[in-house]
Amino acid sequence: MTPVLWWALLDPLTSLRALLVQRRSTTPLPYESAWRQARLERCPDEMVYQLHTHRPTPDPRP
């Protein structure tokens, strides 16, 4: 299953809000970014989890 389908099944309200955010955006906005933005509007305490998932992985090569 794709992440978009999981999001729609597990949290349909946030998914609908993400579509609204995406359509109201003046610049092209990927659905994933719109979904995260809509989720943080409803649950700001999840910012810690979002920051953790967007950290770049360090390059193991010296």
PDB file of N, CA and C in Angstrom:
ATOM      1  N   MET A   1       0.832  -1.183   0.000  1.00  0.00           N
ATOM      2  CA  MET A   1       0.000   0.000   0.000  1.00  0.00           C
ATOM      3  C   MET A   1       0.877   1.248   0.000  1.00  0.00           C
ATOM      4  N   THR A   2       0.415   2.242  -0.681  1.00  0.00           N
ATOM      5  CA  THR A   2       1.163   3.492  -0.732  1.00  0.00           C
ATOM      6  C   THR A   2       0.899   4.308   0.533  1.00  0.00           C
ATOM      7  N   PRO A   3       1.816   5.194   0.882  1.00  0.00           N
ATOM      8  CA  PRO A   3       1.593   6.034   2.065  1.00  0.00           C
ATOM      9  C   PRO A   3       0.321   6.883   1.960  1.00  0.00           C
ATOM     10  N   VAL A   4       0.015   7.346   0.766  1.00  0.00           N
ATOM     11  CA  VAL A   4      -1.183   8.178   0.586  1.00  0.00           C
ATOM     12  C   VAL A   4      -2.439   7.383   0.939  1.00  0.00           C
ATOM     13  N   LEU A   5      -2.492   6.133   0.538  1.00  0.00           N
ATOM     14  CA  LEU A   5      -3.649   5.293   0.849  1.00  0.00           C
ATOM     15  C   LEU A   5      -3.731   5.025   2.353  1.00  0.00           C
ATOM     16  N   TRP A   6      -2.601   4.780   2.982  1.00  0.00           N
ATOM     17  CA  TRP A   6      -2.583   4.580   4.440  1.00  0.00           C
ATOM     18  C   TRP A   6      -3.103   5.820   5.142  1.00  0.00           C
ATOM     19  N   TRP A   7      -2.626   6.997   4.722  1.00  0.00           N
ATOM     20  CA  TRP A   7      -3.058   8.248   5.356  1.00  0.00           C
ATOM     21  C   TRP A   7      -4.562   8.435   5.194  1.00  0.00           C
ATOM     22  N   ALA A   8      -5.072   8.154   4.012  1.00  0.00           N
ATOM     23  CA  ALA A   8      -6.503   8.340   3.756  1.00  0.00           C
ATOM     24  C   ALA A   8      -7.343   7.381   4.599  1.00  0.00           C
ATOM     25  N   LEU A   9      -6.854   6.169   4.783  1.00  0.00           N
ATOM     26  CA  LEU A   9      -7.606   5.192   5.572  1.00  0.00           C
ATOM     27  C   LEU A   9      -7.515   5.466   7.073  1.00  0.00           C
ATOM     28  N   LEU A  10      -6.345   5.830   7.539  1.00  0.00           N
ATOM     29  CA  LEU A  10      -6.144   5.993   8.972  1.00  0.00           C
ATOM     30  C   LEU A  10      -6.600   7.354   9.500  1.00  0.00           C
ATOM     31  N   ASP A  11      -6.541   8.371   8.677  1.00  0.00           N
ATOM     32  CA  ASP A  11      -6.955   9.709   9.123  1.00  0.00           C
ATOM     33  C   ASP A  11      -7.608  10.459   7.965  1.00  0.00           C
ATOM     34  N   PRO A  12      -8.871  10.148   7.686  1.00  0.00           N
ATOM     35  CA  PRO A  12      -9.526  10.763   6.531  1.00  0.00           C
ATOM     36  C   PRO A  12      -9.733  12.275   6.678  1.00  0.00           C
ATOM     37  N   LEU A  13      -9.925  12.771   7.890  1.00  0.00           N
ATOM     38  CA  LEU A  13     -10.119  14.208   8.069  1.00  0.00           C
ATOM     39  C   LEU A  13      -8.863  14.990   7.700  1.00  0.00           C
ATOM     40  N   THR A  14      -7.715  14.509   8.149  1.00  0.00           N
ATOM     41  CA  THR A  14      -6.460  15.175   7.788  1.00  0.00           C
ATOM     42  C   THR A  14      -6.223  15.071   6.286  1.00  0.00           C
ATOM     43  N   SER A  15      -6.591  13.955   5.682  1.00  0.00           N
ATOM     44  CA  SER A  15      -6.423  13.788   4.241  1.00  0.00           C
ATOM     45  C   SER A  15      -7.274  14.785   3.461  1.00  0.00           C
ATOM     46  N   LEU A  16      -8.491  15.012   3.919  1.00  0.00           N
ATOM     47  CA  LEU A  16      -9.337  16.012   3.252  1.00  0.00           C
ATOM     48  C   LEU A  16      -8.781  17.416   3.443  1.00  0.00           C
ATOM     49  N   ARG A  17      -8.302  17.691   4.639  1.00  0.00           N
ATOM     50  CA  ARG A  17      -7.698  19.007   4.876  1.00  0.00           C
ATOM     51  C   ARG A  17      -6.449  19.187   4.029  1.00  0.00           C
ATOM     52  N   ALA A  18      -5.698  18.123   3.820  1.00  0.00           N
ATOM     53  CA  ALA A  18      -4.501  18.201   2.984  1.00  0.00           C
ATOM     54  C   ALA A  18      -4.867  18.551   1.544  1.00  0.00           C
ATOM     55  N   LEU A  19      -5.948  17.984   1.054  1.00  0.00           N
ATOM     56  CA  LEU A  19      -6.391  18.336  -0.299  1.00  0.00           C
ATOM     57  C   LEU A  19      -6.752  19.815  -0.384  1.00  0.00           C
ATOM     58  N   LEU A  20      -7.403  20.330   0.657  1.00  0.00           N
ATOM     59  CA  LEU A  20      -7.735  21.762   0.672  1.00  0.00           C
ATOM     60  C   LEU A  20      -6.479  22.622   0.728  1.00  0.00           C
ATOM     61  N   VAL A  21      -5.521  22.233   1.544  1.00  0.00           N
ATOM     62  CA  VAL A  21      -4.262  22.970   1.635  1.00  0.00           C
ATOM     63  C   VAL A  21      -3.561  22.964   0.288  1.00  0.00           C
ATOM     64  N   GLN A  22      -3.564  21.808  -0.357  1.00  0.00           N
ATOM     65  CA  GLN A  22      -2.895  21.666  -1.656  1.00  0.00           C
ATOM     66  C   GLN A  22      -3.568  22.540  -2.711  1.00  0.00           C
ATOM     67  N   ARG A  23      -4.883  22.592  -2.712  1.00  0.00           N
ATOM     68  CA  ARG A  23      -5.589  23.389  -3.716  1.00  0.00           C
ATOM     69  C   ARG A  23      -5.481  24.882  -3.455  1.00  0.00           C
ATOM     70  N   ARG A  24      -5.395  25.272  -2.185  1.00  0.00           N
ATOM     71  CA  ARG A  24      -5.311  26.692  -1.844  1.00  0.00           C
ATOM     72  C   ARG A  24      -3.897  27.246  -1.987  1.00  0.00           C
ATOM     73  N   SER A  25      -2.937  26.383  -2.145  1.00  0.00           N
ATOM     74  CA  SER A  25      -1.555  26.814  -2.260  1.00  0.00           C
ATOM     75  C   SER A  25      -1.343  27.586  -3.565  1.00  0.00           C
ATOM     76  N   THR A  26      -0.580  28.671  -3.465  1.00  0.00           N
ATOM     77  CA  THR A  26      -0.323  29.472  -4.673  1.00  0.00           C
ATOM     78  C   THR A  26       0.780  28.860  -5.532  1.00  0.00           C
ATOM     79  N   THR A  27       1.622  28.033  -4.910  1.00  0.00           N
ATOM     80  CA  THR A  27       2.670  27.331  -5.650  1.00  0.00           C
ATOM     81  C   THR A  27       2.364  25.839  -5.633  1.00  0.00           C
ATOM     82  N   PRO A  28       2.878  25.080  -6.578  1.00  0.00           N
ATOM     83  CA  PRO A  28       2.640  23.637  -6.558  1.00  0.00           C
ATOM     84  C   PRO A  28       3.168  23.017  -5.258  1.00  0.00           C
ATOM     85  N   LEU A  29       2.309  22.290  -4.572  1.00  0.00           N
ATOM     86  CA  LEU A  29       2.647  21.698  -3.290  1.00  0.00           C
ATOM     87  C   LEU A  29       2.383  20.200  -3.357  1.00  0.00           C
ATOM     88  N   PRO A  30       3.394  19.381  -3.083  1.00  0.00           N
ATOM     89  CA  PRO A  30       3.169  17.934  -3.094  1.00  0.00           C
ATOM     90  C   PRO A  30       2.159  17.537  -2.016  1.00  0.00           C
ATOM     91  N   TYR A  31       1.428  16.469  -2.283  1.00  0.00           N
ATOM     92  CA  TYR A  31       0.406  16.021  -1.332  1.00  0.00           C
ATOM     93  C   TYR A  31       1.022  15.674   0.018  1.00  0.00           C
ATOM     94  N   GLU A  32       2.189  15.059   0.022  1.00  0.00           N
ATOM     95  CA  GLU A  32       2.837  14.685   1.277  1.00  0.00           C
ATOM     96  C   GLU A  32       3.109  15.922   2.148  1.00  0.00           C
ATOM     97  N   SER A  33       3.591  16.983   1.546  1.00  0.00           N
ATOM     98  CA  SER A  33       3.847  18.217   2.287  1.00  0.00           C
ATOM     99  C   SER A  33       2.543  18.832   2.786  1.00  0.00           C
ATOM    100  N   ALA A  34       1.524  18.800   1.956  1.00  0.00           N
ATOM    101  CA  ALA A  34       0.223  19.336   2.356  1.00  0.00           C
ATOM    102  C   ALA A  34      -0.356  18.519   3.504  1.00  0.00           C
ATOM    103  N   TRP A  35      -0.180  17.203   3.461  1.00  0.00           N
ATOM    104  CA  TRP A  35      -0.694  16.340   4.525  1.00  0.00           C
ATOM    105  C   TRP A  35       0.018  16.631   5.839  1.00  0.00           C
ATOM    106  N   ARG A  36       1.323  16.777   5.789  1.00  0.00           N
ATOM    107  CA  ARG A  36       2.080  17.087   7.007  1.00  0.00           C
ATOM    108  C   ARG A  36       1.685  18.447   7.566  1.00  0.00           C
ATOM    109  N   GLN A  37       1.480  19.413   6.695  1.00  0.00           N
ATOM    110  CA  GLN A  37       1.077  20.741   7.140  1.00  0.00           C
ATOM    111  C   GLN A  37      -0.307  20.690   7.794  1.00  0.00           C
ATOM    112  N   ALA A  38      -1.238  19.971   7.171  1.00  0.00           N
ATOM    113  CA  ALA A  38      -2.577  19.840   7.737  1.00  0.00           C
ATOM    114  C   ALA A  38      -2.536  19.095   9.070  1.00  0.00           C
ATOM    115  N   ARG A  39      -1.682  18.096   9.161  1.00  0.00           N
ATOM    116  CA  ARG A  39      -1.567  17.334  10.406  1.00  0.00           C
ATOM    117  C   ARG A  39      -1.019  18.198  11.531  1.00  0.00           C
ATOM    118  N   LEU A  40      -0.031  19.016  11.236  1.00  0.00           N
ATOM    119  CA  LEU A  40       0.556  19.863  12.268  1.00  0.00           C
ATOM    120  C   LEU A  40      -0.387  20.980  12.699  1.00  0.00           C
ATOM    121  N   GLU A  41      -1.308  21.384  11.833  1.00  0.00           N
ATOM    122  CA  GLU A  41      -2.304  22.372  12.236  1.00  0.00           C
ATOM    123  C   GLU A  41      -3.230  21.792  13.304  1.00  0.00           C
ATOM    124  N   ARG A  42      -3.554  20.507  13.177  1.00  0.00           N
ATOM    125  CA  ARG A  42      -4.443  19.861  14.146  1.00  0.00           C
ATOM    126  C   ARG A  42      -3.694  19.346  15.367  1.00  0.00           C
ATOM    127  N   CYS A  43      -2.470  18.891  15.194  1.00  0.00           N
ATOM    128  CA  CYS A  43      -1.703  18.279  16.285  1.00  0.00           C
ATOM    129  C   CYS A  43      -0.297  18.877  16.328  1.00  0.00           C
ATOM    130  N   PRO A  44      -0.149  20.092  16.850  1.00  0.00           N
ATOM    131  CA  PRO A  44       1.172  20.729  16.851  1.00  0.00           C
ATOM    132  C   PRO A  44       2.210  19.997  17.695  1.00  0.00           C
ATOM    133  N   ASP A  45       1.773  19.155  18.614  1.00  0.00           N
ATOM    134  CA  ASP A  45       2.726  18.425  19.443  1.00  0.00           C
ATOM    135  C   ASP A  45       3.477  17.349  18.661  1.00  0.00           C
ATOM    136  N   GLU A  46       3.077  17.073  17.427  1.00  0.00           N
ATOM    137  CA  GLU A  46       3.763  16.078  16.605  1.00  0.00           C
ATOM    138  C   GLU A  46       4.943  16.665  15.827  1.00  0.00           C
ATOM    139  N   MET A  47       5.256  17.924  16.057  1.00  0.00           N
ATOM    140  CA  MET A  47       6.379  18.559  15.374  1.00  0.00           C
ATOM    141  C   MET A  47       7.681  17.816  15.643  1.00  0.00           C
ATOM    142  N   VAL A  48       7.837  17.296  16.838  1.00  0.00           N
ATOM    143  CA  VAL A  48       9.059  16.560  17.188  1.00  0.00           C
ATOM    144  C   VAL A  48       9.235  15.355  16.271  1.00  0.00           C
ATOM    145  N   TYR A  49       8.153  14.645  15.993  1.00  0.00           N
ATOM    146  CA  TYR A  49       8.243  13.472  15.115  1.00  0.00           C
ATOM    147  C   TYR A  49       8.559  13.872  13.683  1.00  0.00           C
ATOM    148  N   GLN A  50       7.993  14.971  13.231  1.00  0.00           N
ATOM    149  CA  GLN A  50       8.274  15.425  11.869  1.00  0.00           C
ATOM    150  C   GLN A  50       9.732  15.844  11.730  1.00  0.00           C
ATOM    151  N   LEU A  51      10.229  16.551  12.709  1.00  0.00           N
ATOM    152  CA  LEU A  51      11.632  16.969  12.640  1.00  0.00           C
ATOM    153  C   LEU A  51      12.563  15.762  12.657  1.00  0.00           C
ATOM    154  N   HIS A  52      12.207  14.748  13.395  1.00  0.00           N
ATOM    155  CA  HIS A  52      13.040  13.551  13.465  1.00  0.00           C
ATOM    156  C   HIS A  52      13.083  12.819  12.120  1.00  0.00           C
ATOM    157  N   THR A  53      11.972  12.767  11.403  1.00  0.00           N
ATOM    158  CA  THR A  53      11.928  12.019  10.154  1.00  0.00           C
ATOM    159  C   THR A  53      12.563  12.761   8.994  1.00  0.00           C
ATOM    160  N   HIS A  54      12.786  14.064   9.121  1.00  0.00           N
ATOM    161  CA  HIS A  54      13.343  14.832   8.007  1.00  0.00           C
ATOM    162  C   HIS A  54      14.815  15.169   8.174  1.00  0.00           C
ATOM    163  N   ARG A  55      15.466  14.539   9.115  1.00  0.00           N
ATOM    164  CA  ARG A  55      16.896  14.779   9.262  1.00  0.00           C
ATOM    165  C   ARG A  55      17.653  14.017   8.187  1.00  0.00           C
ATOM    166  N   PRO A  56      18.593  14.658   7.547  1.00  0.00           N
ATOM    167  CA  PRO A  56      19.381  13.931   6.550  1.00  0.00           C
ATOM    168  C   PRO A  56      20.278  12.896   7.234  1.00  0.00           C
ATOM    169  N   THR A  57      20.424  11.781   6.583  1.00  0.00           N
ATOM    170  CA  THR A  57      21.303  10.751   7.144  1.00  0.00           C
ATOM    171  C   THR A  57      22.750  11.124   6.863  1.00  0.00           C
ATOM    172  N   PRO A  58      23.606  10.982   7.856  1.00  0.00           N
ATOM    173  CA  PRO A  58      25.020  11.338   7.629  1.00  0.00           C
ATOM    174  C   PRO A  58      25.668  10.360   6.664  1.00  0.00           C
ATOM    175  N   ASP A  59      26.576  10.863   5.894  1.00  0.00           N
ATOM    176  CA  ASP A  59      27.315  10.045   4.939  1.00  0.00           C
ATOM    177  C   ASP A  59      28.347   9.226   5.713  1.00  0.00           C
ATOM    178  N   PRO A  60      28.310   7.879   5.607  1.00  0.00           N
ATOM    179  CA  PRO A  60      29.246   7.054   6.366  1.00  0.00           C
ATOM    180  C   PRO A  60      30.698   7.151   5.864  1.00  0.00           C
ATOM    181  N   ARG A  61      30.849   7.637   4.644  1.00  0.00           N
ATOM    182  CA  ARG A  61      32.206   7.755   4.086  1.00  0.00           C
ATOM    183  C   ARG A  61      32.894   9.000   4.635  1.00  0.00           C
ATOM    184  N   PRO A  62      34.166   8.900   4.972  1.00  0.00           N
ATOM    185  CA  PRO A  62      34.887  10.079   5.483  1.00  0.00           C
ATOM    186  C   PRO A  62      35.235  11.071   4.397  1.00  0.00           C
TER     187      PRO A  62
END
